[in-house]
Amino acid sequence: SFGSSLESFVTPGYLDGRVFVLYDDCPCLVYGPVSHDIHAFDERVS
């Protein structure tokens, strides 16, 4: 929520930021909603 500390976690998906970090030595911050039950009939984001 707003005003709280950032959390770090690992996701099994592919993010474009990976390319910038690995090949351009460019730090990257990826943010957005957290998904639940992705690609399932009841998928949602928080």
C-alpha atoms as a PDB file:
ATOM      1  CA  SER A   1       0.000   0.000   0.000  1.00  0.00           C
ATOM      2  CA  PHE A   2       0.983   3.625  -0.330  1.00  0.00           C
ATOM      3  CA  GLY A   3       3.733   4.685   2.067  1.00  0.00           C
ATOM      4  CA  SER A   4       4.918   1.176   2.895  1.00  0.00           C
ATOM      5  CA  SER A   5       8.345  -0.294   2.134  1.00  0.00           C
ATOM      6  CA  LEU A   6       8.976  -1.991  -1.214  1.00  0.00           C
ATOM      7  CA  GLU A   7       9.021  -5.772  -1.192  1.00  0.00           C
ATOM      8  CA  SER A   8      11.176  -8.056  -3.302  1.00  0.00           C
ATOM      9  CA  PHE A   9       9.976 -11.347  -4.739  1.00  0.00           C
ATOM     10  CA  VAL A  10      10.747 -13.783  -7.554  1.00  0.00           C
ATOM     11  CA  THR A  11       8.256 -14.493 -10.309  1.00  0.00           C
ATOM     12  CA  PRO A  12       8.318 -17.403 -12.781  1.00  0.00           C
ATOM     13  CA  GLY A  13       7.394 -15.078 -15.653  1.00  0.00           C
ATOM     14  CA  TYR A  14       9.555 -13.189 -18.136  1.00  0.00           C
ATOM     15  CA  LEU A  15       9.982  -9.433 -17.725  1.00  0.00           C
ATOM     16  CA  ASP A  16      11.581  -7.093 -20.277  1.00  0.00           C
ATOM     17  CA  GLY A  17      13.650  -5.531 -17.490  1.00  0.00           C
ATOM     18  CA  ARG A  18      15.760  -8.696 -17.478  1.00  0.00           C
ATOM     19  CA  VAL A  19      17.226  -7.752 -20.869  1.00  0.00           C
ATOM     20  CA  PHE A  20      18.281  -4.290 -19.673  1.00  0.00           C
ATOM     21  CA  VAL A  21      19.943  -5.701 -16.557  1.00  0.00           C
ATOM     22  CA  LEU A  22      21.759  -8.581 -18.268  1.00  0.00           C
ATOM     23  CA  TYR A  23      22.857  -7.001 -21.545  1.00  0.00           C
ATOM     24  CA  ASP A  24      22.987  -3.228 -20.962  1.00  0.00           C
ATOM     25  CA  ASP A  25      24.134  -3.183 -17.307  1.00  0.00           C
ATOM     26  CA  CYS A  26      21.187  -0.870 -16.640  1.00  0.00           C
ATOM     27  CA  PRO A  27      19.398  -1.091 -13.259  1.00  0.00           C
ATOM     28  CA  CYS A  28      15.695  -1.741 -13.617  1.00  0.00           C
ATOM     29  CA  LEU A  29      12.638  -1.489 -11.373  1.00  0.00           C
ATOM     30  CA  VAL A  30       9.517  -3.380 -12.415  1.00  0.00           C
ATOM     31  CA  TYR A  31       6.303  -2.629 -10.575  1.00  0.00           C
ATOM     32  CA  GLY A  32       2.627  -3.301 -10.913  1.00  0.00           C
ATOM     33  CA  PRO A  33      -0.196  -5.348  -9.449  1.00  0.00           C
ATOM     34  CA  VAL A  34       0.354  -8.802  -8.010  1.00  0.00           C
ATOM     35  CA  SER A  35      -1.420 -11.583  -9.910  1.00  0.00           C
ATOM     36  CA  HIS A  36      -3.305 -14.475  -8.345  1.00  0.00           C
ATOM     37  CA  ASP A  37      -4.199 -17.717 -10.151  1.00  0.00           C
ATOM     38  CA  ILE A  38      -2.865 -16.337 -13.436  1.00  0.00           C
ATOM     39  CA  HIS A  39      -4.232 -18.016 -16.598  1.00  0.00           C
ATOM     40  CA  ALA A  40      -6.922 -19.759 -14.555  1.00  0.00           C
ATOM     41  CA  PHE A  41     -10.670 -19.258 -14.861  1.00  0.00           C
ATOM     42  CA  ASP A  42     -10.620 -17.167 -11.659  1.00  0.00           C
ATOM     43  CA  GLU A  43      -7.430 -15.145 -12.280  1.00  0.00           C
ATOM     44  CA  ARG A  44      -7.212 -11.690 -10.691  1.00  0.00           C
ATOM     45  CA  VAL A  45      -4.809  -8.927  -9.751  1.00  0.00           C
ATOM     46  CA  SER A  46      -4.562  -7.112  -6.454  1.00  0.00           C
END
